[in-house]
Amino acid sequence: MDVKTNPMRHLDRLGIPYRVHYYGEEALGGMEVATATGEDPREVFKTLVMVGSPRNYYVFLVPVTGGLDLKKAAASVGEKSVSMLRQDELPKLAGYVHGGCSPLCLKRPMRITVDSSAEALDRIYFSAGRIGYQLEVAVSDLPGMMEFSFADVSRPM
């Protein structure tokens, strides 16, 4: 593979093993990504960038089998409420485009929360920082690659 994204280089520098899964150049929804790559949808996580008040930014990783529970998410970061960051703000603040946002190598430091469902998994998949590419990493390696906390922030679809 000739594509190397910043999150891949970050994991290389840290010596953290990962696998890359390619699903094409088109931005797909989370369940479509799981289907296209043959991954278990319970292990595939979407990266959501949210904004609180006053302009505090947060990243939430939630399984594609559900969505983000806004009340739980806000409570997990000590906010009264959080809302989705506008798509046009994503490149400026996170350094990624919609559909290719990774929790790694964010342009601006943001507090990261991973849904607690990941704790029961051996591995998870999330964006490699470019549309069409997913990273597969061991859940046990997450603390070595980023600062984050686990919290129950998802809701079923």
C-alpha atoms as a PDB file:
ATOM      1  CA  MET A   1       0.000   0.000   0.000  1.00  0.00           C
ATOM      2  CA  ASP A   2       1.426   3.363  -0.984  1.00  0.00           C
ATOM      3  CA  VAL A   3      -0.882   5.501   1.174  1.00  0.00           C
ATOM      4  CA  LYS A   4       0.464   6.573   4.550  1.00  0.00           C
ATOM      5  CA  THR A   5      -1.659   8.896   6.657  1.00  0.00           C
ATOM      6  CA  ASN A   6      -0.548  10.874   9.713  1.00  0.00           C
ATOM      7  CA  PRO A   7      -2.324   8.420  12.060  1.00  0.00           C
ATOM      8  CA  MET A   8      -0.429   5.535  10.408  1.00  0.00           C
ATOM      9  CA  ARG A   9       2.890   7.367  10.763  1.00  0.00           C
ATOM     10  CA  HIS A  10       1.993   8.143  14.407  1.00  0.00           C
ATOM     11  CA  LEU A  11       1.426   4.450  15.156  1.00  0.00           C
ATOM     12  CA  ASP A  12       4.632   3.541  13.289  1.00  0.00           C
ATOM     13  CA  ARG A  13       6.635   5.996  15.441  1.00  0.00           C
ATOM     14  CA  LEU A  14       5.113   4.516  18.600  1.00  0.00           C
ATOM     15  CA  GLY A  15       5.712   0.934  17.443  1.00  0.00           C
ATOM     16  CA  ILE A  16       2.024   0.099  17.831  1.00  0.00           C
ATOM     17  CA  PRO A  17       0.831  -2.627  15.455  1.00  0.00           C
ATOM     18  CA  TYR A  18      -2.146  -1.946  13.213  1.00  0.00           C
ATOM     19  CA  ARG A  19      -3.773  -3.174  10.039  1.00  0.00           C
ATOM     20  CA  VAL A  20      -5.177  -0.995   7.289  1.00  0.00           C
ATOM     21  CA  HIS A  21      -8.439  -1.849   5.551  1.00  0.00           C
ATOM     22  CA  TYR A  22      -9.385  -0.130   2.294  1.00  0.00           C
ATOM     23  CA  TYR A  23     -12.977   0.275   1.145  1.00  0.00           C
ATOM     24  CA  GLY A  24     -12.770   2.722  -1.789  1.00  0.00           C
ATOM     25  CA  GLU A  25     -12.620   6.435  -2.499  1.00  0.00           C
ATOM     26  CA  GLU A  26     -16.261   7.172  -1.693  1.00  0.00           C
ATOM     27  CA  ALA A  27     -17.357   8.416   1.742  1.00  0.00           C
ATOM     28  CA  LEU A  28     -19.645   5.779   3.240  1.00  0.00           C
ATOM     29  CA  GLY A  29     -21.750   5.567   6.372  1.00  0.00           C
ATOM     30  CA  GLY A  30     -20.390   3.480   9.230  1.00  0.00           C
ATOM     31  CA  MET A  31     -22.513   0.404   8.577  1.00  0.00           C
ATOM     32  CA  GLU A  32     -21.611   0.589   4.887  1.00  0.00           C
ATOM     33  CA  VAL A  33     -17.911   0.685   5.811  1.00  0.00           C
ATOM     34  CA  ALA A  34     -18.323  -2.406   7.999  1.00  0.00           C
ATOM     35  CA  THR A  35     -20.077  -4.221   5.163  1.00  0.00           C
ATOM     36  CA  ALA A  36     -17.540  -3.126   2.530  1.00  0.00           C
ATOM     37  CA  THR A  37     -14.583  -4.291   4.625  1.00  0.00           C
ATOM     38  CA  GLY A  38     -16.217  -7.383   6.120  1.00  0.00           C
ATOM     39  CA  GLU A  39     -15.641  -6.066   9.649  1.00  0.00           C
ATOM     40  CA  ASP A  40     -17.939  -6.873  12.571  1.00  0.00           C
ATOM     41  CA  PRO A  41     -20.072  -3.695  12.909  1.00  0.00           C
ATOM     42  CA  ARG A  42     -19.834  -3.894  16.728  1.00  0.00           C
ATOM     43  CA  GLU A  43     -16.074  -3.331  16.347  1.00  0.00           C
ATOM     44  CA  VAL A  44     -16.314  -0.453  13.854  1.00  0.00           C
ATOM     45  CA  PHE A  45     -16.341   2.976  15.486  1.00  0.00           C
ATOM     46  CA  LYS A  46     -17.177   6.352  14.016  1.00  0.00           C
ATOM     47  CA  THR A  47     -15.322   9.476  15.067  1.00  0.00           C
ATOM     48  CA  LEU A  48     -17.626  12.355  15.966  1.00  0.00           C
ATOM     49  CA  VAL A  49     -16.335  15.840  16.722  1.00  0.00           C
ATOM     50  CA  MET A  50     -18.618  17.792  19.011  1.00  0.00           C
ATOM     51  CA  VAL A  51     -18.626  21.279  20.468  1.00  0.00           C
ATOM     52  CA  GLY A  52     -19.660  22.297  23.964  1.00  0.00           C
ATOM     53  CA  SER A  53     -19.715  25.692  25.597  1.00  0.00           C
ATOM     54  CA  PRO A  54     -17.781  27.939  25.434  1.00  0.00           C
ATOM     55  CA  ARG A  55     -16.298  26.482  22.234  1.00  0.00           C
ATOM     56  CA  ASN A  56     -14.779  23.437  23.910  1.00  0.00           C
ATOM     57  CA  TYR A  57     -14.214  20.622  21.418  1.00  0.00           C
ATOM     58  CA  TYR A  58     -14.576  16.912  22.033  1.00  0.00           C
ATOM     59  CA  VAL A  59     -14.115  13.698  20.088  1.00  0.00           C
ATOM     60  CA  PHE A  60     -16.367  10.713  20.691  1.00  0.00           C
ATOM     61  CA  LEU A  61     -15.817   7.247  19.256  1.00  0.00           C
ATOM     62  CA  VAL A  62     -19.026   5.253  19.117  1.00  0.00           C
ATOM     63  CA  PRO A  63     -19.920   1.985  17.412  1.00  0.00           C
ATOM     64  CA  VAL A  64     -21.576   2.303  14.006  1.00  0.00           C
ATOM     65  CA  THR A  65     -24.341   0.016  15.282  1.00  0.00           C
ATOM     66  CA  GLY A  66     -25.678   2.966  17.250  1.00  0.00           C
ATOM     67  CA  GLY A  67     -25.322   6.676  17.673  1.00  0.00           C
ATOM     68  CA  LEU A  68     -24.084   9.202  20.177  1.00  0.00           C
ATOM     69  CA  ASP A  69     -26.385   9.879  23.119  1.00  0.00           C
ATOM     70  CA  LEU A  70     -25.987  13.644  23.451  1.00  0.00           C
ATOM     71  CA  LYS A  71     -26.994  13.768  27.118  1.00  0.00           C
ATOM     72  CA  LYS A  72     -24.598  10.994  28.101  1.00  0.00           C
ATOM     73  CA  ALA A  73     -21.838  12.543  25.994  1.00  0.00           C
ATOM     74  CA  ALA A  74     -22.285  15.971  27.566  1.00  0.00           C
ATOM     75  CA  ALA A  75     -22.311  14.512  31.069  1.00  0.00           C
ATOM     76  CA  SER A  76     -19.160  12.487  30.367  1.00  0.00           C
ATOM     77  CA  VAL A  77     -17.198  15.670  29.640  1.00  0.00           C
ATOM     78  CA  GLY A  78     -18.865  17.892  32.249  1.00  0.00           C
ATOM     79  CA  GLU A  79     -20.909  19.952  29.785  1.00  0.00           C
ATOM     80  CA  LYS A  80     -24.601  20.853  29.916  1.00  0.00           C
ATOM     81  CA  SER A  81     -24.885  20.011  26.229  1.00  0.00           C
ATOM     82  CA  VAL A  82     -22.819  19.172  23.161  1.00  0.00           C
ATOM     83  CA  SER A  83     -23.655  19.464  19.486  1.00  0.00           C
ATOM     84  CA  MET A  84     -22.084  18.242  16.263  1.00  0.00           C
ATOM     85  CA  LEU A  85     -19.335  20.428  14.871  1.00  0.00           C
ATOM     86  CA  ARG A  86     -20.328  21.921  11.512  1.00  0.00           C
ATOM     87  CA  GLN A  87     -18.764  20.077   8.566  1.00  0.00           C
ATOM     88  CA  ASP A  88     -17.106  23.212   7.238  1.00  0.00           C
ATOM     89  CA  GLU A  89     -15.280  23.692  10.572  1.00  0.00           C
ATOM     90  CA  LEU A  90     -13.914  20.143  10.705  1.00  0.00           C
ATOM     91  CA  PRO A  91     -10.820  20.630   8.477  1.00  0.00           C
ATOM     92  CA  LYS A  92      -9.789  23.807  10.299  1.00  0.00           C
ATOM     93  CA  LEU A  93     -10.160  22.380  13.815  1.00  0.00           C
ATOM     94  CA  ALA A  94      -9.445  18.671  13.391  1.00  0.00           C
ATOM     95  CA  GLY A  95      -7.442  18.616  10.159  1.00  0.00           C
ATOM     96  CA  TYR A  96      -9.741  16.077   8.528  1.00  0.00           C
ATOM     97  CA  VAL A  97     -12.713  15.999   6.186  1.00  0.00           C
ATOM     98  CA  HIS A  98     -16.108  14.522   6.982  1.00  0.00           C
ATOM     99  CA  GLY A  99     -15.926  10.764   6.411  1.00  0.00           C
ATOM    100  CA  GLY A 100     -12.178  10.625   7.030  1.00  0.00           C
ATOM    101  CA  CYS A 101     -11.813  11.941  10.577  1.00  0.00           C
ATOM    102  CA  SER A 102      -9.499  10.007  12.878  1.00  0.00           C
ATOM    103  CA  PRO A 103      -9.125  10.461  16.639  1.00  0.00           C
ATOM    104  CA  LEU A 104      -5.352  10.406  16.115  1.00  0.00           C
ATOM    105  CA  CYS A 105      -3.209  13.388  15.088  1.00  0.00           C
ATOM    106  CA  LEU A 106      -5.911  16.000  15.496  1.00  0.00           C
ATOM    107  CA  LYS A 107      -4.894  19.481  14.398  1.00  0.00           C
ATOM    108  CA  ARG A 108      -6.153  20.927  17.684  1.00  0.00           C
ATOM    109  CA  PRO A 109      -5.975  19.014  20.982  1.00  0.00           C
ATOM    110  CA  MET A 110      -9.394  17.694  21.955  1.00  0.00           C
ATOM    111  CA  ARG A 111     -10.642  15.544  24.795  1.00  0.00           C
ATOM    112  CA  ILE A 112     -11.343  12.040  23.463  1.00  0.00           C
ATOM    113  CA  THR A 113     -13.977   9.662  24.819  1.00  0.00           C
ATOM    114  CA  VAL A 114     -14.354   6.093  23.584  1.00  0.00           C
ATOM    115  CA  ASP A 115     -17.680   4.379  24.177  1.00  0.00           C
ATOM    116  CA  SER A 116     -17.350   1.861  27.009  1.00  0.00           C
ATOM    117  CA  SER A 117     -18.579  -0.944  24.724  1.00  0.00           C
ATOM    118  CA  ALA A 118     -15.015  -1.038  23.341  1.00  0.00           C
ATOM    119  CA  GLU A 119     -13.726  -2.326  26.681  1.00  0.00           C
ATOM    120  CA  ALA A 120     -15.272  -5.732  25.974  1.00  0.00           C
ATOM    121  CA  LEU A 121     -13.615  -5.998  22.548  1.00  0.00           C
ATOM    122  CA  ASP A 122     -10.214  -7.282  21.500  1.00  0.00           C
ATOM    123  CA  ARG A 123      -9.917  -4.811  18.617  1.00  0.00           C
ATOM    124  CA  ILE A 124     -11.643  -1.809  17.114  1.00  0.00           C
ATOM    125  CA  TYR A 125     -11.638  -0.158  13.724  1.00  0.00           C
ATOM    126  CA  PHE A 126     -11.730   3.577  13.098  1.00  0.00           C
ATOM    127  CA  SER A 127     -10.806   6.014  10.356  1.00  0.00           C
ATOM    128  CA  ALA A 128      -7.174   6.148   9.308  1.00  0.00           C
ATOM    129  CA  GLY A 129      -7.523   9.857   8.560  1.00  0.00           C
ATOM    130  CA  ARG A 130      -8.503   9.546   4.920  1.00  0.00           C
ATOM    131  CA  ILE A 131     -11.724   8.541   3.209  1.00  0.00           C
ATOM    132  CA  GLY A 132     -11.497   4.894   2.209  1.00  0.00           C
ATOM    133  CA  TYR A 133      -9.087   3.732   4.912  1.00  0.00           C
ATOM    134  CA  GLN A 134      -9.756   2.149   8.291  1.00  0.00           C
ATOM    135  CA  LEU A 135      -7.260   1.263  11.022  1.00  0.00           C
ATOM    136  CA  GLU A 136      -7.622  -1.955  12.990  1.00  0.00           C
ATOM    137  CA  VAL A 137      -5.977  -1.737  16.408  1.00  0.00           C
ATOM    138  CA  ALA A 138      -6.029  -3.735  19.615  1.00  0.00           C
ATOM    139  CA  VAL A 139      -8.133  -2.108  22.320  1.00  0.00           C
ATOM    140  CA  SER A 140      -5.279  -2.836  24.731  1.00  0.00           C
ATOM    141  CA  ASP A 141      -3.044  -0.549  22.599  1.00  0.00           C
ATOM    142  CA  LEU A 142      -5.378   2.476  22.763  1.00  0.00           C
ATOM    143  CA  PRO A 143      -3.737   3.994  25.884  1.00  0.00           C
ATOM    144  CA  GLY A 144      -0.361   3.983  24.137  1.00  0.00           C
ATOM    145  CA  MET A 145      -1.608   5.895  21.093  1.00  0.00           C
ATOM    146  CA  MET A 146      -3.824   8.625  22.577  1.00  0.00           C
ATOM    147  CA  GLU A 147      -5.130  10.145  25.779  1.00  0.00           C
ATOM    148  CA  PHE A 148      -8.767   9.193  26.219  1.00  0.00           C
ATOM    149  CA  SER A 149     -11.345   7.933  28.655  1.00  0.00           C
ATOM    150  CA  PHE A 150     -14.011   5.256  28.381  1.00  0.00           C
ATOM    151  CA  ALA A 151     -17.617   6.262  29.058  1.00  0.00           C
ATOM    152  CA  ASP A 152     -21.068   5.004  28.206  1.00  0.00           C
ATOM    153  CA  VAL A 153     -21.963   7.542  25.500  1.00  0.00           C
ATOM    154  CA  SER A 154     -23.749   5.502  22.831  1.00  0.00           C
ATOM    155  CA  ARG A 155     -27.376   4.747  22.146  1.00  0.00           C
ATOM    156  CA  PRO A 156     -28.810   1.992  19.971  1.00  0.00           C
ATOM    157  CA  MET A 157     -30.066   2.925  16.501  1.00  0.00           C
END
